[in-house]
N, C-alpha and C. Protein backbone atom coordinates (compact mmCIF):
# COMPACT_ATOMS: atom_id res chain seq x y z
N MET A 1 17.11 2.82 -35.41
CA MET A 1 17.62 4.09 -34.97
C MET A 1 16.96 5.27 -35.84
N LYS A 2 16.28 5.00 -36.88
CA LYS A 2 15.46 5.94 -37.65
C LYS A 2 14.38 6.63 -36.75
N ILE A 3 13.70 5.51 -36.10
CA ILE A 3 12.51 6.10 -35.14
C ILE A 3 13.12 7.01 -34.01
N VAL A 4 14.27 6.68 -33.53
CA VAL A 4 14.81 7.47 -32.49
C VAL A 4 15.02 8.96 -32.90
N TRP A 5 15.71 8.96 -34.11
CA TRP A 5 16.03 10.30 -34.76
C TRP A 5 14.71 11.10 -35.03
N ASN A 6 13.70 10.29 -35.58
CA ASN A 6 12.44 10.88 -35.98
C ASN A 6 11.68 11.48 -34.70
N LEU A 7 11.83 10.69 -33.50
CA LEU A 7 11.22 11.24 -32.22
C LEU A 7 11.94 12.37 -31.80
N PHE A 8 13.25 12.36 -31.81
CA PHE A 8 14.04 13.60 -31.40
C PHE A 8 13.72 14.74 -32.26
N TRP A 9 13.83 14.72 -33.52
CA TRP A 9 13.50 15.80 -34.55
C TRP A 9 12.19 16.38 -34.38
N ASN A 10 11.13 15.40 -34.45
CA ASN A 10 9.79 15.96 -34.29
C ASN A 10 9.48 16.63 -32.97
N PHE A 11 9.94 16.13 -31.84
CA PHE A 11 9.74 16.81 -30.56
C PHE A 11 10.65 18.09 -30.31
N PHE A 12 11.71 18.05 -31.12
CA PHE A 12 12.55 19.34 -31.19
C PHE A 12 11.72 20.35 -31.89
N LEU A 13 11.11 20.20 -32.93
CA LEU A 13 10.38 21.09 -33.66
C LEU A 13 9.09 21.45 -32.83
N ILE A 14 8.48 20.58 -32.22
CA ILE A 14 7.33 20.95 -31.37
C ILE A 14 7.72 21.83 -30.28
N GLY A 15 8.81 21.56 -29.46
CA GLY A 15 9.40 22.31 -28.53
C GLY A 15 9.83 23.66 -28.98
N LEU A 16 10.32 23.87 -30.27
CA LEU A 16 10.91 25.08 -30.81
C LEU A 16 9.75 25.93 -31.27
N PHE A 17 8.66 25.46 -31.78
CA PHE A 17 7.71 26.24 -32.40
C PHE A 17 6.36 26.40 -31.65
N THR A 18 6.30 25.92 -30.35
CA THR A 18 5.12 25.88 -29.61
C THR A 18 5.24 26.96 -28.48
N PHE A 19 4.26 28.01 -28.37
CA PHE A 19 4.41 28.91 -27.25
C PHE A 19 3.10 28.64 -26.42
N GLY A 20 3.08 28.93 -25.17
CA GLY A 20 1.97 28.82 -24.36
C GLY A 20 1.87 27.57 -23.51
N GLY A 21 2.96 26.70 -23.48
CA GLY A 21 2.89 25.56 -22.51
C GLY A 21 2.48 24.35 -23.19
N GLY A 22 2.30 23.36 -22.28
CA GLY A 22 2.05 22.04 -22.71
C GLY A 22 0.68 21.82 -23.53
N TYR A 23 -0.26 22.49 -23.00
CA TYR A 23 -1.56 22.43 -23.69
C TYR A 23 -1.66 22.96 -25.18
N ALA A 24 -0.87 24.01 -25.31
CA ALA A 24 -0.73 24.53 -26.62
C ALA A 24 -0.04 23.61 -27.60
N MET A 25 0.68 22.65 -27.12
CA MET A 25 1.44 21.66 -27.84
C MET A 25 0.56 20.62 -28.37
N ILE A 26 -0.56 20.32 -27.60
CA ILE A 26 -1.32 19.02 -27.98
C ILE A 26 -1.76 18.96 -29.36
N PRO A 27 -2.37 19.92 -30.05
CA PRO A 27 -2.62 19.88 -31.45
C PRO A 27 -1.58 19.48 -32.32
N MET A 28 -0.23 20.03 -31.99
CA MET A 28 0.91 19.76 -32.81
C MET A 28 1.28 18.21 -32.60
N ILE A 29 1.30 17.90 -31.26
CA ILE A 29 1.77 16.46 -30.92
C ILE A 29 0.75 15.44 -31.54
N GLU A 30 -0.58 15.77 -31.62
CA GLU A 30 -1.54 14.90 -32.18
C GLU A 30 -1.23 14.83 -33.76
N GLU A 31 -1.05 15.87 -34.31
CA GLU A 31 -0.91 15.82 -35.85
C GLU A 31 0.40 15.05 -36.15
N VAL A 32 1.45 15.29 -35.45
CA VAL A 32 2.77 14.53 -35.72
C VAL A 32 2.62 13.11 -35.29
N ALA A 33 2.04 12.80 -34.18
CA ALA A 33 1.85 11.41 -33.74
C ALA A 33 1.04 10.61 -34.81
N LEU A 34 0.02 11.17 -35.34
CA LEU A 34 -0.80 10.55 -36.36
C LEU A 34 -0.09 10.29 -37.58
N ARG A 35 0.67 11.42 -38.00
CA ARG A 35 1.35 11.35 -39.27
C ARG A 35 2.51 10.30 -39.14
N GLU A 36 3.21 10.19 -38.01
CA GLU A 36 4.33 9.25 -37.86
C GLU A 36 3.83 7.83 -37.35
N THR A 37 2.52 7.65 -37.19
CA THR A 37 1.93 6.52 -36.65
C THR A 37 2.43 6.05 -35.36
N TRP A 38 2.62 7.05 -34.48
CA TRP A 38 3.01 6.79 -33.12
C TRP A 38 1.74 6.35 -32.36
N ILE A 39 0.63 6.93 -32.70
CA ILE A 39 -0.63 6.56 -32.21
C ILE A 39 -1.59 6.14 -33.42
N SER A 40 -2.62 5.44 -33.09
CA SER A 40 -3.39 4.82 -34.18
C SER A 40 -4.58 5.80 -34.51
N SER A 41 -5.08 6.59 -33.62
CA SER A 41 -6.34 7.42 -33.85
C SER A 41 -6.26 8.63 -33.10
N GLY A 42 -6.90 9.65 -33.60
CA GLY A 42 -7.11 10.91 -32.85
C GLY A 42 -7.38 10.81 -31.46
N THR A 43 -8.40 9.87 -31.12
CA THR A 43 -8.81 9.61 -29.84
C THR A 43 -7.83 9.21 -28.79
N ASP A 44 -6.71 8.49 -29.32
CA ASP A 44 -5.66 8.10 -28.37
C ASP A 44 -4.88 9.06 -27.68
N ILE A 45 -4.74 10.39 -28.29
CA ILE A 45 -4.02 11.47 -27.67
C ILE A 45 -4.57 11.93 -26.53
N TYR A 46 -5.87 11.77 -26.22
CA TYR A 46 -6.50 12.18 -25.00
C TYR A 46 -6.18 11.20 -23.86
N GLY A 47 -5.94 9.85 -24.29
CA GLY A 47 -5.53 9.01 -23.25
C GLY A 47 -4.20 9.34 -22.83
N TRP A 48 -3.32 9.66 -23.85
CA TRP A 48 -1.88 10.03 -23.43
C TRP A 48 -1.89 11.28 -22.63
N VAL A 49 -2.92 12.27 -22.92
CA VAL A 49 -2.91 13.56 -22.21
C VAL A 49 -3.16 13.25 -20.61
N GLY A 50 -4.14 12.28 -20.55
CA GLY A 50 -4.55 11.84 -19.14
C GLY A 50 -3.35 11.25 -18.36
N ILE A 51 -2.66 10.37 -19.05
CA ILE A 51 -1.49 9.65 -18.43
C ILE A 51 -0.37 10.72 -18.10
N ALA A 52 -0.03 11.56 -19.04
CA ALA A 52 0.92 12.61 -18.90
C ALA A 52 0.45 13.53 -17.73
N GLU A 53 -0.76 14.03 -17.67
CA GLU A 53 -1.17 14.80 -16.51
C GLU A 53 -1.15 14.14 -15.17
N GLY A 54 -1.44 12.89 -15.24
CA GLY A 54 -1.50 12.15 -13.99
C GLY A 54 -0.09 11.86 -13.40
N THR A 55 0.94 12.02 -14.16
CA THR A 55 2.35 11.77 -13.73
C THR A 55 3.03 13.08 -13.23
N PRO A 56 3.95 12.97 -12.30
CA PRO A 56 4.66 14.30 -11.93
C PRO A 56 5.44 14.82 -12.97
N GLY A 57 5.60 16.19 -13.12
CA GLY A 57 6.59 16.81 -13.98
C GLY A 57 5.69 17.60 -15.11
N PRO A 58 6.40 18.28 -15.98
CA PRO A 58 5.86 19.07 -16.99
C PRO A 58 5.10 18.28 -18.05
N PHE A 59 3.99 18.62 -18.53
CA PHE A 59 3.24 17.86 -19.40
C PHE A 59 3.89 17.54 -20.66
N ALA A 60 4.50 18.51 -21.29
CA ALA A 60 5.30 18.27 -22.53
C ALA A 60 6.28 17.19 -22.37
N VAL A 61 7.04 17.15 -21.33
CA VAL A 61 8.12 16.31 -21.05
C VAL A 61 7.56 14.92 -20.92
N ASN A 62 6.44 14.77 -20.10
CA ASN A 62 5.87 13.57 -19.76
C ASN A 62 5.30 12.92 -21.12
N ILE A 63 4.73 13.68 -21.82
CA ILE A 63 4.01 13.02 -23.11
C ILE A 63 5.18 12.72 -24.07
N ALA A 64 6.20 13.47 -24.18
CA ALA A 64 7.32 13.05 -25.03
C ALA A 64 7.92 11.67 -24.63
N THR A 65 8.22 11.81 -23.14
CA THR A 65 8.82 10.46 -22.64
C THR A 65 7.92 9.31 -22.81
N LEU A 66 6.55 9.29 -22.57
CA LEU A 66 5.70 8.32 -22.87
C LEU A 66 5.64 7.87 -24.23
N LEU A 67 5.32 8.74 -25.13
CA LEU A 67 5.38 8.37 -26.60
C LEU A 67 6.74 7.87 -27.14
N GLY A 68 7.85 8.36 -26.61
CA GLY A 68 9.12 7.90 -27.05
C GLY A 68 9.26 6.41 -26.58
N TYR A 69 8.99 6.15 -25.21
CA TYR A 69 9.07 4.94 -24.63
C TYR A 69 8.24 3.92 -25.41
N GLN A 70 6.93 4.25 -25.68
CA GLN A 70 6.12 3.28 -26.33
C GLN A 70 6.53 2.96 -27.71
N ASN A 71 7.28 3.87 -28.47
CA ASN A 71 7.62 3.55 -29.79
C ASN A 71 9.09 3.18 -30.00
N ALA A 72 10.01 3.41 -28.98
CA ALA A 72 11.35 2.99 -29.21
C ALA A 72 12.00 2.78 -27.81
N GLY A 73 11.27 2.37 -26.78
CA GLY A 73 11.88 2.00 -25.64
C GLY A 73 12.56 3.12 -24.95
N PHE A 74 13.53 2.72 -24.03
CA PHE A 74 14.20 3.68 -23.26
C PHE A 74 15.00 4.77 -23.96
N ILE A 75 15.56 4.21 -25.11
CA ILE A 75 16.40 5.33 -25.96
C ILE A 75 15.47 6.26 -26.66
N GLY A 76 14.33 5.70 -26.98
CA GLY A 76 13.18 6.60 -27.68
C GLY A 76 12.74 7.55 -26.58
N ALA A 77 12.49 7.14 -25.46
CA ALA A 77 12.04 8.12 -24.38
C ALA A 77 13.03 9.15 -24.11
N PHE A 78 14.32 8.72 -24.03
CA PHE A 78 15.53 9.64 -23.79
C PHE A 78 15.54 10.78 -24.83
N PHE A 79 15.57 10.39 -26.03
CA PHE A 79 15.72 11.33 -27.18
C PHE A 79 14.44 12.12 -27.48
N ALA A 80 13.29 11.57 -27.29
CA ALA A 80 12.00 12.45 -27.29
C ALA A 80 12.15 13.37 -26.41
N THR A 81 12.39 13.18 -25.19
CA THR A 81 12.51 14.10 -24.03
C THR A 81 13.51 15.07 -24.19
N LEU A 82 14.73 14.72 -24.62
CA LEU A 82 15.69 15.63 -25.03
C LEU A 82 15.33 16.61 -26.07
N GLY A 83 14.49 16.07 -27.13
CA GLY A 83 14.13 16.85 -28.23
C GLY A 83 13.21 17.97 -27.78
N VAL A 84 12.24 17.72 -26.83
CA VAL A 84 11.26 18.65 -26.42
C VAL A 84 11.88 19.69 -25.51
N ILE A 85 12.91 19.39 -24.69
CA ILE A 85 13.58 20.19 -23.79
C ILE A 85 14.67 21.11 -24.31
N LEU A 86 15.39 20.63 -25.45
CA LEU A 86 16.45 21.32 -26.02
C LEU A 86 16.14 22.64 -26.43
N PRO A 87 15.09 22.85 -27.12
CA PRO A 87 14.79 24.24 -27.65
C PRO A 87 14.64 25.29 -26.54
N SER A 88 14.03 24.99 -25.50
CA SER A 88 13.83 25.89 -24.44
C SER A 88 15.07 26.28 -23.77
N TRP A 89 15.93 25.13 -23.68
CA TRP A 89 17.23 25.30 -23.03
C TRP A 89 18.10 26.15 -23.85
N ILE A 90 18.10 26.09 -25.19
CA ILE A 90 18.92 27.01 -26.07
C ILE A 90 18.39 28.30 -26.10
N ILE A 91 17.05 28.63 -25.97
CA ILE A 91 16.51 29.99 -26.11
C ILE A 91 16.98 30.58 -24.68
N LEU A 92 16.88 29.88 -23.48
CA LEU A 92 17.28 30.43 -22.30
C LEU A 92 18.74 30.81 -22.24
N VAL A 93 19.67 29.94 -22.85
CA VAL A 93 21.13 30.15 -22.96
C VAL A 93 21.23 31.46 -23.64
N LEU A 94 20.61 31.64 -24.86
CA LEU A 94 20.69 32.84 -25.68
C LEU A 94 20.33 34.06 -25.00
N ILE A 95 19.15 33.91 -24.13
CA ILE A 95 18.78 35.09 -23.34
C ILE A 95 19.79 35.37 -22.31
N ALA A 96 20.26 34.39 -21.77
CA ALA A 96 21.18 34.64 -20.62
C ALA A 96 22.43 35.28 -21.21
N ALA A 97 22.83 34.88 -22.36
CA ALA A 97 24.06 35.28 -22.91
C ALA A 97 23.95 36.87 -23.50
N PHE A 98 22.73 37.01 -24.11
CA PHE A 98 22.60 38.33 -24.74
C PHE A 98 21.73 39.32 -23.87
N GLY A 99 21.32 38.72 -22.69
CA GLY A 99 20.58 39.70 -21.82
C GLY A 99 19.15 39.98 -22.30
N LYS A 100 18.58 40.95 -21.78
CA LYS A 100 17.08 41.36 -22.04
C LYS A 100 17.06 42.15 -23.45
N LYS A 101 18.19 42.44 -24.07
CA LYS A 101 18.26 43.23 -25.17
C LYS A 101 17.43 42.60 -26.24
N ILE A 102 17.55 41.21 -26.33
CA ILE A 102 16.82 40.55 -27.43
C ILE A 102 15.25 40.61 -27.21
N LEU A 103 14.75 40.46 -26.10
CA LEU A 103 13.35 40.51 -25.78
C LEU A 103 12.71 42.02 -25.85
N GLU A 104 13.69 42.95 -25.58
CA GLU A 104 13.16 44.39 -25.57
C GLU A 104 13.14 45.04 -26.92
N THR A 105 13.58 44.31 -28.06
CA THR A 105 13.51 44.84 -29.31
C THR A 105 12.16 45.03 -29.71
N LYS A 106 11.72 46.03 -30.67
CA LYS A 106 10.51 46.17 -31.02
C LYS A 106 9.88 44.94 -31.86
N TYR A 107 10.85 44.21 -32.55
CA TYR A 107 10.45 43.10 -33.26
C TYR A 107 10.07 41.95 -32.38
N ALA A 108 10.89 41.68 -31.38
CA ALA A 108 10.49 40.61 -30.42
C ALA A 108 9.23 40.92 -29.65
N THR A 109 9.00 42.15 -29.29
CA THR A 109 7.75 42.60 -28.69
C THR A 109 6.58 42.25 -29.45
N ALA A 110 6.80 42.69 -30.76
CA ALA A 110 5.57 42.65 -31.74
C ALA A 110 5.32 41.08 -31.96
N ALA A 111 6.43 40.35 -32.05
CA ALA A 111 6.26 38.85 -32.42
C ALA A 111 5.51 38.26 -31.21
N LEU A 112 5.81 38.52 -30.00
CA LEU A 112 5.25 37.88 -28.87
C LEU A 112 3.66 38.31 -28.71
N LYS A 113 3.50 39.57 -29.05
CA LYS A 113 2.08 40.11 -29.10
C LYS A 113 1.27 39.38 -30.10
N GLY A 114 1.86 39.03 -31.21
CA GLY A 114 1.22 38.36 -32.35
C GLY A 114 0.93 36.79 -32.01
N LEU A 115 1.72 36.30 -31.21
CA LEU A 115 1.59 35.01 -30.77
C LEU A 115 0.50 34.73 -29.63
N ARG A 116 0.16 35.71 -28.97
CA ARG A 116 -0.93 35.56 -27.89
C ARG A 116 -2.25 35.00 -28.61
N PRO A 117 -2.81 35.50 -29.54
CA PRO A 117 -3.99 34.95 -30.06
C PRO A 117 -3.97 33.60 -30.56
N VAL A 118 -2.72 33.14 -31.16
CA VAL A 118 -2.39 31.80 -31.54
C VAL A 118 -2.44 30.95 -30.39
N VAL A 119 -1.84 31.17 -29.27
CA VAL A 119 -1.80 30.42 -28.10
C VAL A 119 -3.14 30.21 -27.49
N ILE A 120 -3.95 31.28 -27.53
CA ILE A 120 -5.38 31.33 -27.04
C ILE A 120 -6.17 30.23 -27.91
N GLY A 121 -5.96 30.39 -29.28
CA GLY A 121 -6.70 29.57 -30.20
C GLY A 121 -6.25 27.95 -30.00
N LEU A 122 -5.03 27.74 -29.83
CA LEU A 122 -4.51 26.45 -29.63
C LEU A 122 -5.09 25.73 -28.35
N ILE A 123 -4.98 26.55 -27.28
CA ILE A 123 -5.54 25.98 -26.06
C ILE A 123 -6.98 25.81 -26.12
N SER A 124 -7.65 26.61 -26.70
CA SER A 124 -9.26 26.53 -26.91
C SER A 124 -9.59 25.23 -27.70
N VAL A 125 -8.79 24.98 -28.67
CA VAL A 125 -9.02 23.73 -29.55
C VAL A 125 -8.91 22.60 -28.67
N VAL A 126 -7.84 22.52 -27.69
CA VAL A 126 -7.64 21.38 -26.90
C VAL A 126 -8.79 21.34 -25.82
N VAL A 127 -9.18 22.33 -25.34
CA VAL A 127 -10.25 22.28 -24.23
C VAL A 127 -11.61 21.85 -24.86
N ILE A 128 -11.91 22.32 -25.97
CA ILE A 128 -13.18 21.79 -26.65
C ILE A 128 -13.02 20.38 -27.07
N GLY A 129 -11.86 19.95 -27.54
CA GLY A 129 -11.51 18.62 -28.00
C GLY A 129 -11.62 17.67 -26.81
N LEU A 130 -11.02 18.02 -25.73
CA LEU A 130 -11.12 17.23 -24.43
C LEU A 130 -12.59 17.03 -23.90
N ILE A 131 -13.27 18.13 -23.87
CA ILE A 131 -14.73 18.12 -23.47
C ILE A 131 -15.45 17.16 -24.29
N TYR A 132 -15.33 17.35 -25.78
CA TYR A 132 -16.20 16.61 -26.57
C TYR A 132 -15.83 15.12 -26.54
N GLN A 133 -14.40 14.74 -26.47
CA GLN A 133 -13.94 13.46 -26.32
C GLN A 133 -14.54 12.84 -24.97
N ASN A 134 -14.69 13.50 -23.87
CA ASN A 134 -15.13 12.95 -22.75
C ASN A 134 -16.77 12.79 -22.78
N LEU A 135 -17.33 13.61 -23.35
CA LEU A 135 -18.89 13.63 -23.43
C LEU A 135 -19.33 12.55 -24.44
N PHE A 136 -18.70 12.42 -25.68
CA PHE A 136 -19.22 11.65 -26.69
C PHE A 136 -18.35 10.44 -26.92
N GLN A 137 -17.21 10.33 -26.27
CA GLN A 137 -16.27 9.13 -26.48
C GLN A 137 -15.75 8.96 -27.78
N THR A 138 -15.68 10.21 -28.53
CA THR A 138 -15.08 10.09 -29.86
C THR A 138 -14.32 11.51 -30.15
N SER A 139 -13.36 11.44 -31.04
CA SER A 139 -12.64 12.73 -31.29
C SER A 139 -13.54 13.65 -31.98
N LEU A 140 -13.32 14.94 -31.80
CA LEU A 140 -14.06 16.05 -32.50
C LEU A 140 -13.80 16.08 -33.90
N ASP A 141 -14.80 16.08 -34.72
CA ASP A 141 -14.72 16.16 -36.09
C ASP A 141 -15.80 17.12 -36.55
N LEU A 142 -15.50 18.42 -36.82
CA LEU A 142 -16.34 19.50 -37.03
C LEU A 142 -17.20 19.22 -38.33
N TRP A 143 -16.94 18.31 -39.19
CA TRP A 143 -17.62 18.10 -40.41
C TRP A 143 -18.61 17.00 -40.15
N ASN A 144 -18.42 16.12 -39.23
CA ASN A 144 -19.45 15.14 -38.89
C ASN A 144 -19.75 15.00 -37.44
N LEU A 145 -20.36 16.22 -36.77
CA LEU A 145 -20.67 16.09 -35.45
C LEU A 145 -21.75 15.16 -35.21
N SER A 146 -21.78 14.46 -34.02
CA SER A 146 -22.78 13.59 -33.59
C SER A 146 -22.86 13.57 -32.27
N ILE A 147 -24.17 13.37 -31.68
CA ILE A 147 -24.34 13.30 -30.28
C ILE A 147 -24.54 11.60 -29.81
N LYS A 148 -24.25 10.86 -30.74
CA LYS A 148 -24.55 9.43 -30.37
C LYS A 148 -23.43 9.10 -29.29
N GLY A 149 -23.83 8.24 -28.36
CA GLY A 149 -22.77 7.71 -27.38
C GLY A 149 -22.62 8.80 -26.30
N PHE A 150 -23.54 9.76 -26.05
CA PHE A 150 -23.35 10.81 -24.93
C PHE A 150 -23.17 10.16 -23.64
N ASP A 151 -22.09 10.67 -23.01
CA ASP A 151 -21.67 10.06 -21.77
C ASP A 151 -22.20 10.81 -20.57
N TYR A 152 -23.37 10.61 -19.99
CA TYR A 152 -24.00 11.39 -18.85
C TYR A 152 -23.02 11.42 -17.73
N PHE A 153 -22.47 10.46 -17.38
CA PHE A 153 -21.57 10.14 -16.25
C PHE A 153 -20.40 11.26 -16.34
N SER A 154 -19.92 11.16 -17.52
CA SER A 154 -18.66 12.23 -17.58
C SER A 154 -19.11 13.69 -17.40
N LEU A 155 -20.39 13.96 -17.93
CA LEU A 155 -20.97 15.37 -17.63
C LEU A 155 -21.25 15.50 -16.25
N ILE A 156 -21.72 14.58 -15.50
CA ILE A 156 -22.03 14.74 -13.99
C ILE A 156 -20.76 14.89 -13.29
N ILE A 157 -19.72 14.16 -13.58
CA ILE A 157 -18.48 14.26 -12.93
C ILE A 157 -17.86 15.57 -13.11
N GLY A 158 -17.91 15.88 -14.39
CA GLY A 158 -17.39 17.37 -14.82
C GLY A 158 -18.01 18.50 -13.90
N ILE A 159 -19.41 18.41 -13.81
CA ILE A 159 -20.14 19.41 -13.19
C ILE A 159 -19.84 19.42 -11.64
N VAL A 160 -19.79 18.17 -10.96
CA VAL A 160 -19.57 18.07 -9.59
C VAL A 160 -18.28 18.70 -9.34
N VAL A 161 -17.13 18.21 -10.07
CA VAL A 161 -15.72 18.58 -9.72
C VAL A 161 -15.61 20.12 -9.93
N PHE A 162 -16.22 20.71 -10.95
CA PHE A 162 -16.17 22.10 -11.37
C PHE A 162 -16.92 22.88 -10.03
N GLY A 163 -18.00 22.32 -9.73
CA GLY A 163 -18.73 23.03 -8.49
C GLY A 163 -17.93 22.89 -7.27
N VAL A 164 -17.33 21.77 -6.88
CA VAL A 164 -16.48 21.55 -5.79
C VAL A 164 -15.32 22.46 -5.88
N SER A 165 -14.81 22.67 -7.08
CA SER A 165 -13.51 23.49 -7.22
C SER A 165 -13.74 24.94 -6.82
N LEU A 166 -15.03 25.35 -6.98
CA LEU A 166 -15.45 26.88 -6.55
C LEU A 166 -15.38 27.09 -5.19
N ILE A 167 -15.37 26.07 -4.40
CA ILE A 167 -15.70 26.04 -2.83
C ILE A 167 -14.25 26.54 -2.31
N LYS A 168 -14.44 27.57 -1.37
CA LYS A 168 -13.27 28.07 -0.73
C LYS A 168 -13.35 27.82 0.67
N ILE A 169 -12.38 27.30 1.47
CA ILE A 169 -12.18 27.01 2.84
C ILE A 169 -11.25 28.01 3.39
N LYS A 170 -11.71 28.79 4.29
CA LYS A 170 -10.99 29.75 4.95
C LYS A 170 -10.16 30.70 3.84
N GLN A 171 -10.96 31.14 2.91
CA GLN A 171 -10.38 32.06 1.82
C GLN A 171 -9.30 31.31 0.83
N LYS A 172 -9.29 29.98 0.91
CA LYS A 172 -8.32 29.21 0.09
C LYS A 172 -9.17 28.23 -0.79
N SER A 173 -8.67 28.09 -1.99
CA SER A 173 -9.27 27.16 -2.99
C SER A 173 -8.81 25.77 -2.56
N LEU A 174 -9.70 24.73 -2.92
CA LEU A 174 -9.38 23.28 -2.70
C LEU A 174 -8.13 22.92 -3.41
N SER A 175 -7.33 22.02 -2.92
CA SER A 175 -6.22 21.50 -3.55
C SER A 175 -6.43 20.74 -4.84
N PRO A 176 -5.88 20.91 -5.87
CA PRO A 176 -6.03 20.22 -7.19
C PRO A 176 -5.81 18.74 -6.84
N ILE A 177 -5.05 18.40 -5.93
CA ILE A 177 -4.90 16.94 -5.56
C ILE A 177 -6.13 16.36 -5.07
N PHE A 178 -6.93 17.15 -4.25
CA PHE A 178 -8.11 16.66 -3.80
C PHE A 178 -9.10 16.52 -4.89
N LEU A 179 -9.20 17.50 -5.90
CA LEU A 179 -10.04 17.55 -7.15
C LEU A 179 -9.65 16.35 -7.89
N ILE A 180 -8.50 15.85 -8.00
CA ILE A 180 -8.14 14.68 -8.77
C ILE A 180 -8.60 13.41 -8.17
N ILE A 181 -8.38 13.37 -6.79
CA ILE A 181 -8.84 12.05 -6.10
C ILE A 181 -10.48 12.05 -6.20
N LEU A 182 -11.03 13.13 -6.03
CA LEU A 182 -12.52 13.23 -6.07
C LEU A 182 -13.05 12.70 -7.39
N SER A 183 -12.31 13.13 -8.55
CA SER A 183 -12.62 12.70 -9.86
C SER A 183 -12.50 11.19 -10.10
N GLY A 184 -11.30 10.76 -9.55
CA GLY A 184 -11.09 9.26 -9.58
C GLY A 184 -12.21 8.42 -8.76
N LEU A 185 -12.55 8.93 -7.68
CA LEU A 185 -13.56 8.27 -6.86
C LEU A 185 -14.94 8.31 -7.52
N LEU A 186 -15.19 9.42 -8.09
CA LEU A 186 -16.46 9.49 -8.85
C LEU A 186 -16.59 8.55 -10.09
N GLY A 187 -15.27 8.59 -10.65
CA GLY A 187 -15.19 7.57 -11.95
C GLY A 187 -15.41 6.14 -11.50
N ILE A 188 -14.90 5.74 -10.44
CA ILE A 188 -15.03 4.36 -9.84
C ILE A 188 -16.58 4.20 -9.59
N LEU A 189 -17.15 5.06 -8.83
CA LEU A 189 -18.47 4.99 -8.41
C LEU A 189 -19.49 5.01 -9.67
N PHE A 190 -19.28 5.81 -10.60
CA PHE A 190 -20.12 5.59 -11.63
C PHE A 190 -19.98 4.56 -12.63
N TYR A 191 -18.70 4.45 -13.05
CA TYR A 191 -18.34 3.44 -14.06
C TYR A 191 -18.23 1.97 -13.56
N GLN A 192 -17.87 1.78 -12.30
CA GLN A 192 -17.65 0.46 -11.86
C GLN A 192 -18.79 -0.03 -10.98
N VAL A 193 -19.38 0.85 -10.10
CA VAL A 193 -20.55 0.46 -9.20
C VAL A 193 -21.77 0.55 -9.91
N VAL A 194 -22.03 1.78 -10.42
CA VAL A 194 -23.24 2.00 -11.12
C VAL A 194 -23.31 1.36 -12.47
N GLY A 195 -22.20 1.53 -13.17
CA GLY A 195 -22.12 0.88 -14.44
C GLY A 195 -22.79 1.49 -15.65
N ILE A 196 -22.45 1.10 -16.87
CA ILE A 196 -22.99 1.79 -17.98
C ILE A 196 -23.78 0.58 -18.78
């Protein structure tokens, strides 16, 4: 039962103190998951990010559910998910109860303006970490940077998918579903057919 409470409380804190959406949560989730030994290494979090993004629903809810289930089964999944959702729900209820008055105060406005650079920084860390993880097959360690194990296939797939994403047909961008399928097919081609 301790692990269930631990999952609930830690995801509650992550949900309460993270602004900027799911990607801004990744550094906090990684730090907590390593500290609580829900994952074995920093590189594991990127696998969980891939799984959470590949399933329908909000990223934060998916990763909380997956990590909760892995560590404490259905009950763990339920309480981890409840923990990450509850802060947003409480905040919405407070805003609905007290109206816009809360958000229009000079203190709330100043606090939200102060959070913007933090959100940009957190998301930037995640983007750089994901790119590094995919290209070098190891987690980003700024003190021990290494280019050993560079994955050219990952770079080629990233460039191709990015290039294809810029294509517009009848003034419309291509569907993200198409880009995900294209990435999967290129992954099969390069890693299974061509091989490393």
